[in-house]
Amino acid sequence: CTHVRCKTLWLAHYAIDASTEASRASHLAKIAARIA
């Protein structure tokens, strides 16, 4: 339904129930870097 050359991004934190403070911080940093 979008532009023919629409780009996509998928940023998922898998196994969230087993996540740690470090894994969450790492995921937030990954989000910030990708959005940038």
Full PDB file with SEQRES, HELIX, SHEET, SSBOND, CRYST1, ORIGX, SCALE, CONECT and MASTER records, all heavy atoms in Angstrom:
SEQRES   1 A   36  CYS THR HIS VAL ARG CYS LYS THR LEU TRP LEU ALA HIS          
SEQRES   2 A   36  TYR ALA ILE ASP ALA SER THR GLU ALA SER ARG ALA SER          
SEQRES   3 A   36  HIS LEU ALA LYS ILE ALA ALA ARG ILE ALA                      
HELIX    1 AA1 ILE A   16  ALA A   18  5                                   3    
HELIX    2 AA2 GLU A   21  ILE A   35  1                                  15    
CRYST1    1.000    1.000    1.000  90.00  90.00  90.00 P 1           1          
ORIGX1      1.000000  0.000000  0.000000        0.00000                         
ORIGX2      0.000000  1.000000  0.000000        0.00000                         
ORIGX3      0.000000  0.000000  1.000000        0.00000                         
SCALE1      1.000000  0.000000  0.000000        0.00000                         
SCALE2      0.000000  1.000000  0.000000        0.00000                         
SCALE3      0.000000  0.000000  1.000000        0.00000                         
ATOM      1  N   CYS A   1       0.816  -1.220   0.000  1.00  0.00           N  
ATOM      2  CA  CYS A   1       0.000   0.000   0.000  1.00  0.00           C  
ATOM      3  C   CYS A   1       0.849   1.270   0.000  1.00  0.00           C  
ATOM      4  O   CYS A   1       0.303   2.371  -0.016  1.00  0.00           O  
ATOM      5  CB  CYS A   1      -0.903   0.017   1.235  1.00  0.00           C  
ATOM      6  SG  CYS A   1      -2.081  -1.334   1.298  1.00  0.00           S  
ATOM      7  N   THR A   2       2.172   1.121   0.032  1.00  0.00           N  
ATOM      8  CA  THR A   2       3.068   2.269   0.173  1.00  0.00           C  
ATOM      9  C   THR A   2       3.807   2.549  -1.137  1.00  0.00           C  
ATOM     10  O   THR A   2       3.547   1.921  -2.163  1.00  0.00           O  
ATOM     11  CB  THR A   2       4.079   2.013   1.300  1.00  0.00           C  
ATOM     12  OG1 THR A   2       4.918   0.900   0.949  1.00  0.00           O  
ATOM     13  CG2 THR A   2       3.373   1.717   2.623  1.00  0.00           C  
ATOM     14  N   HIS A   3       4.751   3.478  -1.060  1.00  0.00           N  
ATOM     15  CA  HIS A   3       5.569   3.840  -2.226  1.00  0.00           C  
ATOM     16  C   HIS A   3       6.261   2.599  -2.788  1.00  0.00           C  
ATOM     17  O   HIS A   3       6.667   1.705  -2.043  1.00  0.00           O  
ATOM     18  CB  HIS A   3       6.611   4.880  -1.803  1.00  0.00           C  
ATOM     19  CG  HIS A   3       7.306   5.533  -2.948  1.00  0.00           C  
ATOM     20  ND1 HIS A   3       8.351   4.940  -3.624  1.00  0.00           N  
ATOM     21  CD2 HIS A   3       7.117   6.737  -3.543  1.00  0.00           C  
ATOM     22  CE1 HIS A   3       8.772   5.746  -4.579  1.00  0.00           C  
ATOM     23  NE2 HIS A   3       8.038   6.849  -4.551  1.00  0.00           N  
ATOM     24  N   VAL A   4       6.413   2.544  -4.084  1.00  0.00           N  
ATOM     25  CA  VAL A   4       6.978   1.366  -4.746  1.00  0.00           C  
ATOM     26  C   VAL A   4       8.398   1.065  -4.267  1.00  0.00           C  
ATOM     27  O   VAL A   4       8.824  -0.086  -4.256  1.00  0.00           O  
ATOM     28  CB  VAL A   4       6.912   1.524  -6.286  1.00  0.00           C  
ATOM     29  CG1 VAL A   4       7.830   2.640  -6.763  1.00  0.00           C  
ATOM     30  CG2 VAL A   4       7.220   0.219  -6.989  1.00  0.00           C  
ATOM     31  N   ARG A   5       9.135   2.084  -3.838  1.00  0.00           N  
ATOM     32  CA  ARG A   5      10.494   1.869  -3.344  1.00  0.00           C  
ATOM     33  C   ARG A   5      10.585   2.057  -1.832  1.00  0.00           C  
ATOM     34  O   ARG A   5      11.631   2.424  -1.304  1.00  0.00           O  
ATOM     35  CB  ARG A   5      11.470   2.798  -4.059  1.00  0.00           C  
ATOM     36  CG  ARG A   5      11.721   2.384  -5.514  1.00  0.00           C  
ATOM     37  CD  ARG A   5      12.815   3.190  -6.168  1.00  0.00           C  
ATOM     38  NE  ARG A   5      12.469   4.575  -6.364  1.00  0.00           N  
ATOM     39  CZ  ARG A   5      11.761   5.066  -7.370  1.00  0.00           C  
ATOM     40  NH1 ARG A   5      11.311   4.241  -8.305  1.00  0.00           N  
ATOM     41  NH2 ARG A   5      11.480   6.348  -7.462  1.00  0.00           N  
ATOM     42  N   CYS A   6       9.497   1.779  -1.138  1.00  0.00           N  
ATOM     43  CA  CYS A   6       9.450   1.925   0.318  1.00  0.00           C  
ATOM     44  C   CYS A   6      10.487   1.014   0.972  1.00  0.00           C  
ATOM     45  O   CYS A   6      10.569  -0.181   0.677  1.00  0.00           O  
ATOM     46  CB  CYS A   6       8.056   1.574   0.834  1.00  0.00           C  
ATOM     47  SG  CYS A   6       7.868   1.751   2.616  1.00  0.00           S  
ATOM     48  N   LYS A   7      11.285   1.599   1.869  1.00  0.00           N  
ATOM     49  CA  LYS A   7      12.269   0.830   2.633  1.00  0.00           C  
ATOM     50  C   LYS A   7      11.619   0.337   3.924  1.00  0.00           C  
ATOM     51  O   LYS A   7      10.643   0.928   4.393  1.00  0.00           O  
ATOM     52  CB  LYS A   7      13.487   1.689   2.938  1.00  0.00           C  
ATOM     53  CG  LYS A   7      14.236   2.150   1.705  1.00  0.00           C  
ATOM     54  CD  LYS A   7      15.512   2.867   2.096  1.00  0.00           C  
ATOM     55  CE  LYS A   7      16.258   3.418   0.896  1.00  0.00           C  
ATOM     56  NZ  LYS A   7      16.487   2.498  -0.167  1.00  0.00           N  
ATOM     57  N   THR A   8      12.150  -0.747   4.473  1.00  0.00           N  
ATOM     58  CA  THR A   8      11.582  -1.305   5.699  1.00  0.00           C  
ATOM     59  C   THR A   8      12.663  -1.463   6.764  1.00  0.00           C  
ATOM     60  O   THR A   8      13.850  -1.570   6.450  1.00  0.00           O  
ATOM     61  CB  THR A   8      10.930  -2.674   5.433  1.00  0.00           C  
ATOM     62  OG1 THR A   8      11.918  -3.592   4.964  1.00  0.00           O  
ATOM     63  CG2 THR A   8       9.796  -2.561   4.424  1.00  0.00           C  
ATOM     64  N   LEU A   9      12.213  -1.465   8.010  1.00  0.00           N  
ATOM     65  CA  LEU A   9      13.118  -1.790   9.116  1.00  0.00           C  
ATOM     66  C   LEU A   9      12.358  -2.599  10.156  1.00  0.00           C  
ATOM     67  O   LEU A   9      11.165  -2.409  10.358  1.00  0.00           O  
ATOM     68  CB  LEU A   9      13.747  -0.530   9.725  1.00  0.00           C  
ATOM     69  CG  LEU A   9      12.897   0.482  10.463  1.00  0.00           C  
ATOM     70  CD1 LEU A   9      12.798   0.138  11.943  1.00  0.00           C  
ATOM     71  CD2 LEU A   9      13.520   1.858  10.325  1.00  0.00           C  
ATOM     72  N   TRP A  10      13.064  -3.531  10.748  1.00  0.00           N  
ATOM     73  CA  TRP A  10      12.497  -4.423  11.765  1.00  0.00           C  
ATOM     74  C   TRP A  10      13.504  -4.480  12.909  1.00  0.00           C  
ATOM     75  O   TRP A  10      14.623  -4.958  12.735  1.00  0.00           O  
ATOM     76  CB  TRP A  10      12.272  -5.809  11.164  1.00  0.00           C  
ATOM     77  CG  TRP A  10      11.853  -6.881  12.124  1.00  0.00           C  
ATOM     78  CD1 TRP A  10      12.652  -7.804  12.721  1.00  0.00           C  
ATOM     79  CD2 TRP A  10      10.517  -7.158  12.576  1.00  0.00           C  
ATOM     80  NE1 TRP A  10      11.912  -8.633  13.514  1.00  0.00           N  
ATOM     81  CE2 TRP A  10      10.597  -8.257  13.443  1.00  0.00           C  
ATOM     82  CE3 TRP A  10       9.276  -6.579  12.329  1.00  0.00           C  
ATOM     83  CZ2 TRP A  10       9.472  -8.801  14.066  1.00  0.00           C  
ATOM     84  CZ3 TRP A  10       8.162  -7.120  12.950  1.00  0.00           C  
ATOM     85  CH2 TRP A  10       8.262  -8.218  13.799  1.00  0.00           C  
ATOM     86  N   LEU A  11      13.118  -3.936  14.050  1.00  0.00           N  
ATOM     87  CA  LEU A  11      13.991  -3.908  15.222  1.00  0.00           C  
ATOM     88  C   LEU A  11      13.282  -4.652  16.348  1.00  0.00           C  
ATOM     89  O   LEU A  11      12.387  -4.112  16.992  1.00  0.00           O  
ATOM     90  CB  LEU A  11      14.295  -2.463  15.618  1.00  0.00           C  
ATOM     91  CG  LEU A  11      15.087  -1.651  14.589  1.00  0.00           C  
ATOM     92  CD1 LEU A  11      15.033  -0.161  14.912  1.00  0.00           C  
ATOM     93  CD2 LEU A  11      16.518  -2.141  14.532  1.00  0.00           C  
ATOM     94  N   ALA A  12      13.679  -5.897  16.558  1.00  0.00           N  
ATOM     95  CA  ALA A  12      12.997  -6.758  17.521  1.00  0.00           C  
ATOM     96  C   ALA A  12      13.943  -7.203  18.619  1.00  0.00           C  
ATOM     97  O   ALA A  12      15.089  -7.581  18.351  1.00  0.00           O  
ATOM     98  CB  ALA A  12      12.425  -7.984  16.810  1.00  0.00           C  
ATOM     99  N   HIS A  13      13.463  -7.152  19.837  1.00  0.00           N  
ATOM    100  CA  HIS A  13      14.182  -7.736  20.973  1.00  0.00           C  
ATOM    101  C   HIS A  13      13.529  -9.093  21.216  1.00  0.00           C  
ATOM    102  O   HIS A  13      12.404  -9.169  21.719  1.00  0.00           O  
ATOM    103  CB  HIS A  13      14.071  -6.848  22.202  1.00  0.00           C  
ATOM    104  CG  HIS A  13      14.960  -7.283  23.337  1.00  0.00           C  
ATOM    105  ND1 HIS A  13      14.992  -8.558  23.825  1.00  0.00           N  
ATOM    106  CD2 HIS A  13      15.865  -6.588  24.067  1.00  0.00           C  
ATOM    107  CE1 HIS A  13      15.862  -8.652  24.806  1.00  0.00           C  
ATOM    108  NE2 HIS A  13      16.409  -7.449  24.966  1.00  0.00           N  
ATOM    109  N   TYR A  14      14.221 -10.153  20.807  1.00  0.00           N  
ATOM    110  CA  TYR A  14      13.703 -11.510  20.970  1.00  0.00           C  
ATOM    111  C   TYR A  14      13.941 -12.000  22.401  1.00  0.00           C  
ATOM    112  O   TYR A  14      14.792 -11.477  23.115  1.00  0.00           O  
ATOM    113  CB  TYR A  14      14.373 -12.453  19.967  1.00  0.00           C  
ATOM    114  CG  TYR A  14      14.054 -12.111  18.530  1.00  0.00           C  
ATOM    115  CD1 TYR A  14      14.916 -11.331  17.767  1.00  0.00           C  
ATOM    116  CD2 TYR A  14      12.872 -12.550  17.943  1.00  0.00           C  
ATOM    117  CE1 TYR A  14      14.615 -11.010  16.453  1.00  0.00           C  
ATOM    118  CE2 TYR A  14      12.560 -12.232  16.631  1.00  0.00           C  
ATOM    119  CZ  TYR A  14      13.440 -11.461  15.896  1.00  0.00           C  
ATOM    120  OH  TYR A  14      13.130 -11.133  14.596  1.00  0.00           O  
ATOM    121  N   ALA A  15      13.192 -13.024  22.795  1.00  0.00           N  
ATOM    122  CA  ALA A  15      13.315 -13.651  24.116  1.00  0.00           C  
ATOM    123  C   ALA A  15      13.288 -12.600  25.228  1.00  0.00           C  
ATOM    124  O   ALA A  15      14.113 -12.610  26.139  1.00  0.00           O  
ATOM    125  CB  ALA A  15      14.585 -14.501  24.189  1.00  0.00           C  
ATOM    126  N   ILE A  16      12.322 -11.708  25.155  1.00  0.00           N  
ATOM    127  CA  ILE A  16      12.250 -10.576  26.092  1.00  0.00           C  
ATOM    128  C   ILE A  16      12.111 -11.034  27.537  1.00  0.00           C  
ATOM    129  O   ILE A  16      12.611 -10.380  28.457  1.00  0.00           O  
ATOM    130  CB  ILE A  16      11.108  -9.596  25.695  1.00  0.00           C  
ATOM    131  CG1 ILE A  16      11.192  -8.295  26.498  1.00  0.00           C  
ATOM    132  CG2 ILE A  16       9.746 -10.244  25.857  1.00  0.00           C  
ATOM    133  CD1 ILE A  16      12.341  -7.413  26.145  1.00  0.00           C  
ATOM    134  N   ASP A  17      11.471 -12.170  27.771  1.00  0.00           N  
ATOM    135  CA  ASP A  17      11.285 -12.647  29.140  1.00  0.00           C  
ATOM    136  C   ASP A  17      12.603 -13.058  29.793  1.00  0.00           C  
ATOM    137  O   ASP A  17      12.699 -13.105  31.016  1.00  0.00           O  
ATOM    138  CB  ASP A  17      10.291 -13.819  29.168  1.00  0.00           C  
ATOM    139  CG  ASP A  17       8.923 -13.400  28.645  1.00  0.00           C  
ATOM    140  OD1 ASP A  17       8.496 -12.282  28.964  1.00  0.00           O  
ATOM    141  OD2 ASP A  17       8.303 -14.181  27.902  1.00  0.00           O  
ATOM    142  N   ALA A  18      13.584 -13.349  28.979  1.00  0.00           N  
ATOM    143  CA  ALA A  18      14.913 -13.710  29.497  1.00  0.00           C  
ATOM    144  C   ALA A  18      15.905 -12.560  29.346  1.00  0.00           C  
ATOM    145  O   ALA A  18      17.105 -12.741  29.505  1.00  0.00           O  
ATOM    146  CB  ALA A  18      15.430 -14.953  28.756  1.00  0.00           C  
ATOM    147  N   SER A  19      15.392 -11.384  29.047  1.00  0.00           N  
ATOM    148  CA  SER A  19      16.291 -10.253  28.818  1.00  0.00           C  
ATOM    149  C   SER A  19      16.930  -9.779  30.115  1.00  0.00           C  
ATOM    150  O   SER A  19      16.446 -10.072  31.210  1.00  0.00           O  
ATOM    151  CB  SER A  19      15.527  -9.094  28.169  1.00  0.00           C  
ATOM    152  OG  SER A  19      14.626  -8.522  29.096  1.00  0.00           O  
ATOM    153  N   THR A  20      18.006  -9.036  29.944  1.00  0.00           N  
ATOM    154  CA  THR A  20      18.717  -8.463  31.082  1.00  0.00           C  
ATOM    155  C   THR A  20      18.769  -6.956  30.901  1.00  0.00           C  
ATOM    156  O   THR A  20      18.436  -6.431  29.838  1.00  0.00           O  
ATOM    157  CB  THR A  20      20.159  -9.008  31.144  1.00  0.00           C  
ATOM    158  OG1 THR A  20      20.848  -8.579  29.955  1.00  0.00           O  
ATOM    159  CG2 THR A  20      20.184 -10.527  31.238  1.00  0.00           C  
ATOM    160  N   GLU A  21      19.206  -6.273  31.929  1.00  0.00           N  
ATOM    161  CA  GLU A  21      19.368  -4.828  31.820  1.00  0.00           C  
ATOM    162  C   GLU A  21      20.336  -4.498  30.686  1.00  0.00           C  
ATOM    163  O   GLU A  21      20.115  -3.561  29.914  1.00  0.00           O  
ATOM    164  CB  GLU A  21      19.888  -4.266  33.144  1.00  0.00           C  
ATOM    165  CG  GLU A  21      19.863  -2.757  33.219  1.00  0.00           C  
ATOM    166  CD  GLU A  21      20.221  -2.236  34.590  1.00  0.00           C  
ATOM    167  OE1 GLU A  21      19.817  -2.851  35.589  1.00  0.00           O  
ATOM    168  OE2 GLU A  21      20.911  -1.196  34.647  1.00  0.00           O  
ATOM    169  N   ALA A  22      21.376  -5.303  30.548  1.00  0.00           N  
ATOM    170  CA  ALA A  22      22.369  -5.078  29.484  1.00  0.00           C  
ATOM    171  C   ALA A  22      21.774  -5.321  28.104  1.00  0.00           C  
ATOM    172  O   ALA A  22      22.031  -4.555  27.169  1.00  0.00           O  
ATOM    173  CB  ALA A  22      23.584  -5.974  29.703  1.00  0.00           C  
ATOM    174  N   SER A  23      20.972  -6.369  27.960  1.00  0.00           N  
ATOM    175  CA  SER A  23      20.401  -6.663  26.640  1.00  0.00           C  
ATOM    176  C   SER A  23      19.388  -5.584  26.238  1.00  0.00           C  
ATOM    177  O   SER A  23      19.299  -5.214  25.075  1.00  0.00           O  
ATOM    178  CB  SER A  23      19.752  -8.049  26.604  1.00  0.00           C  
ATOM    179  OG  SER A  23      18.543  -8.083  27.326  1.00  0.00           O  
ATOM    180  N   ARG A  24      18.669  -5.057  27.207  1.00  0.00           N  
ATOM    181  CA  ARG A  24      17.711  -3.992  26.910  1.00  0.00           C  
ATOM    182  C   ARG A  24      18.437  -2.699  26.538  1.00  0.00           C  
ATOM    183  O   ARG A  24      18.048  -2.015  25.594  1.00  0.00           O  
ATOM    184  CB  ARG A  24      16.768  -3.773  28.089  1.00  0.00           C  
ATOM    185  CG  ARG A  24      15.792  -4.931  28.282  1.00  0.00           C  
ATOM    186  CD  ARG A  24      14.897  -4.721  29.501  1.00  0.00           C  
ATOM    187  NE  ARG A  24      14.040  -5.887  29.669  1.00  0.00           N  
ATOM    188  CZ  ARG A  24      12.754  -5.822  29.979  1.00  0.00           C  
ATOM    189  NH1 ARG A  24      12.161  -4.662  30.158  1.00  0.00           N  
ATOM    190  NH2 ARG A  24      12.037  -6.921  30.117  1.00  0.00           N  
ATOM    191  N   ALA A  25      19.491  -2.387  27.283  1.00  0.00           N  
ATOM    192  CA  ALA A  25      20.274  -1.184  26.961  1.00  0.00           C  
ATOM    193  C   ALA A  25      20.881  -1.299  25.570  1.00  0.00           C  
ATOM    194  O   ALA A  25      20.909  -0.333  24.800  1.00  0.00           O  
ATOM    195  CB  ALA A  25      21.356  -0.972  28.015  1.00  0.00           C  
ATOM    196  N   SER A  26      21.353  -2.496  25.238  1.00  0.00           N  
ATOM    197  CA  SER A  26      21.932  -2.736  23.919  1.00  0.00           C  
ATOM    198  C   SER A  26      20.882  -2.553  22.825  1.00  0.00           C  
ATOM    199  O   SER A  26      21.163  -1.991  21.762  1.00  0.00           O  
ATOM    200  CB  SER A  26      22.519  -4.145  23.860  1.00  0.00           C  
ATOM    201  OG  SER A  26      22.968  -4.450  22.563  1.00  0.00           O  
ATOM    202  N   HIS A  27      19.661  -3.026  23.092  1.00  0.00           N  
ATOM    203  CA  HIS A  27      18.598  -2.883  22.103  1.00  0.00           C  
ATOM    204  C   HIS A  27      18.221  -1.410  21.903  1.00  0.00           C  
ATOM    205  O   HIS A  27      18.011  -0.963  20.771  1.00  0.00           O  
ATOM    206  CB  HIS A  27      17.377  -3.698  22.516  1.00  0.00           C  
ATOM    207  CG  HIS A  27      16.324  -3.772  21.457  1.00  0.00           C  
ATOM    208  ND1 HIS A  27      16.535  -4.379  20.235  1.00  0.00           N  
ATOM    209  CD2 HIS A  27      15.055  -3.283  21.414  1.00  0.00           C  
ATOM    210  CE1 HIS A  27      15.446  -4.276  19.499  1.00  0.00           C  
ATOM    211  NE2 HIS A  27      14.534  -3.613  20.194  1.00  0.00           N  
ATOM    212  N   LEU A  28      18.154  -0.655  22.982  1.00  0.00           N  
ATOM    213  CA  LEU A  28      17.846   0.771  22.868  1.00  0.00           C  
ATOM    214  C   LEU A  28      18.926   1.496  22.062  1.00  0.00           C  
ATOM    215  O   LEU A  28      18.624   2.352  21.229  1.00  0.00           O  
ATOM    216  CB  LEU A  28      17.698   1.406  24.253  1.00  0.00           C  
ATOM    217  CG  LEU A  28      16.489   0.946  25.070  1.00  0.00           C  
ATOM    218  CD1 LEU A  28      16.522   1.574  26.460  1.00  0.00           C  
ATOM    219  CD2 LEU A  28      15.176   1.264  24.369  1.00  0.00           C  
ATOM    220  N   ALA A  29      20.174   1.118  22.278  1.00  0.00           N  
ATOM    221  CA  ALA A  29      21.272   1.724  21.518  1.00  0.00           C  
ATOM    222  C   ALA A  29      21.162   1.361  20.038  1.00  0.00           C  
ATOM    223  O   ALA A  29      21.420   2.196  19.155  1.00  0.00           O  
ATOM    224  CB  ALA A  29      22.619   1.270  22.084  1.00  0.00           C  
ATOM    225  N   LYS A  30      20.769   0.127  19.759  1.00  0.00           N  
ATOM    226  CA  LYS A  30      20.581  -0.316  18.368  1.00  0.00           C  
ATOM    227  C   LYS A  30      19.466   0.479  17.697  1.00  0.00           C  
ATOM    228  O   LYS A  30      19.591   0.886  16.533  1.00  0.00           O  
ATOM    229  CB  LYS A  30      20.253  -1.814  18.368  1.00  0.00           C  
ATOM    230  CG  LYS A  30      20.022  -2.421  17.004  1.00  0.00           C  
ATOM    231  CD  LYS A  30      19.711  -3.914  17.164  1.00  0.00           C  
ATOM    232  CE  LYS A  30      19.276  -4.533  15.853  1.00  0.00           C  
ATOM    233  NZ  LYS A  30      18.920  -5.950  16.006  1.00  0.00           N  
ATOM    234  N   ILE A  31      18.383   0.729  18.430  1.00  0.00           N  
ATOM    235  CA  ILE A  31      17.275   1.523  17.892  1.00  0.00           C  
ATOM    236  C   ILE A  31      17.749   2.927  17.560  1.00  0.00           C  
ATOM    237  O   ILE A  31      17.499   3.446  16.466  1.00  0.00           O  
ATOM    238  CB  ILE A  31      16.095   1.566  18.890  1.00  0.00           C  
ATOM    239  CG1 ILE A  31      15.416   0.194  18.987  1.00  0.00           C  
ATOM    240  CG2 ILE A  31      15.080   2.640  18.492  1.00  0.00           C  
ATOM    241  CD1 ILE A  31      14.432   0.069  20.134  1.00  0.00           C  
ATOM    242  N   ALA A  32      18.428   3.564  18.499  1.00  0.00           N  
ATOM    243  CA  ALA A  32      18.904   4.937  18.293  1.00  0.00           C  
ATOM    244  C   ALA A  32      19.823   5.017  17.081  1.00  0.00           C  
ATOM    245  O   ALA A  32      19.706   5.927  16.256  1.00  0.00           O  
ATOM    246  CB  ALA A  32      19.614   5.444  19.546  1.00  0.00           C  
ATOM    247  N   ALA A  33      20.722   4.036  16.955  1.00  0.00           N  
ATOM    248  CA  ALA A  33      21.664   4.038  15.832  1.00  0.00           C  
ATOM    249  C   ALA A  33      20.952   3.836  14.504  1.00  0.00           C  
ATOM    250  O   ALA A  33      21.272   4.496  13.507  1.00  0.00           O  
ATOM    251  CB  ALA A  33      22.722   2.955  16.042  1.00  0.00           C  
ATOM    252  N   ARG A  34      19.975   2.942  14.471  1.00  0.00           N  
ATOM    253  CA  ARG A  34      19.261   2.662  13.211  1.00  0.00           C  
ATOM    254  C   ARG A  34      18.397   3.847  12.794  1.00  0.00           C  
ATOM    255  O   ARG A  34      18.348   4.199  11.614  1.00  0.00           O  
ATOM    256  CB  ARG A  34      18.424   1.389  13.349  1.00  0.00           C  
ATOM    257  CG  ARG A  34      17.638   1.025  12.101  1.00  0.00           C  
ATOM    258  CD  ARG A  34      18.556   0.785  10.912  1.00  0.00           C  
ATOM    259  NE  ARG A  34      17.814   0.595   9.684  1.00  0.00           N  
ATOM    260  CZ  ARG A  34      17.424   1.563   8.862  1.00  0.00           C  
ATOM    261  NH1 ARG A  34      17.714   2.826   9.134  1.00  0.00           N  
ATOM    262  NH2 ARG A  34      16.763   1.277   7.749  1.00  0.00           N  
ATOM    263  N   ILE A  35      17.709   4.453  13.746  1.00  0.00           N  
ATOM    264  CA  ILE A  35      16.876   5.617  13.419  1.00  0.00           C  
ATOM    265  C   ILE A  35      17.741   6.780  12.941  1.00  0.00           C  
ATOM    266  O   ILE A  35      17.346   7.522  12.043  1.00  0.00           O  
ATOM    267  CB  ILE A  35      16.016   6.028  14.641  1.00  0.00           C  
ATOM    268  CG1 ILE A  35      15.040   4.902  15.024  1.00  0.00           C  
ATOM    269  CG2 ILE A  35      15.271   7.334  14.366  1.00  0.00           C  
ATOM    270  CD1 ILE A  35      14.021   4.528  13.984  1.00  0.00           C  
ATOM    271  N   ALA A  36      18.924   6.904  13.499  1.00  0.00           N  
ATOM    272  CA  ALA A  36      19.840   7.967  13.097  1.00  0.00           C  
ATOM    273  C   ALA A  36      20.284   7.823  11.634  1.00  0.00           C  
ATOM    274  O   ALA A  36      20.749   8.784  11.024  1.00  0.00           O  
ATOM    275  CB  ALA A  36      21.049   8.000  14.020  1.00  0.00           C  
TER     276      ALA A  36                                                      
MASTER        0    0    0    2    0    0    0    6  275    1    0    3          
END                                                                             
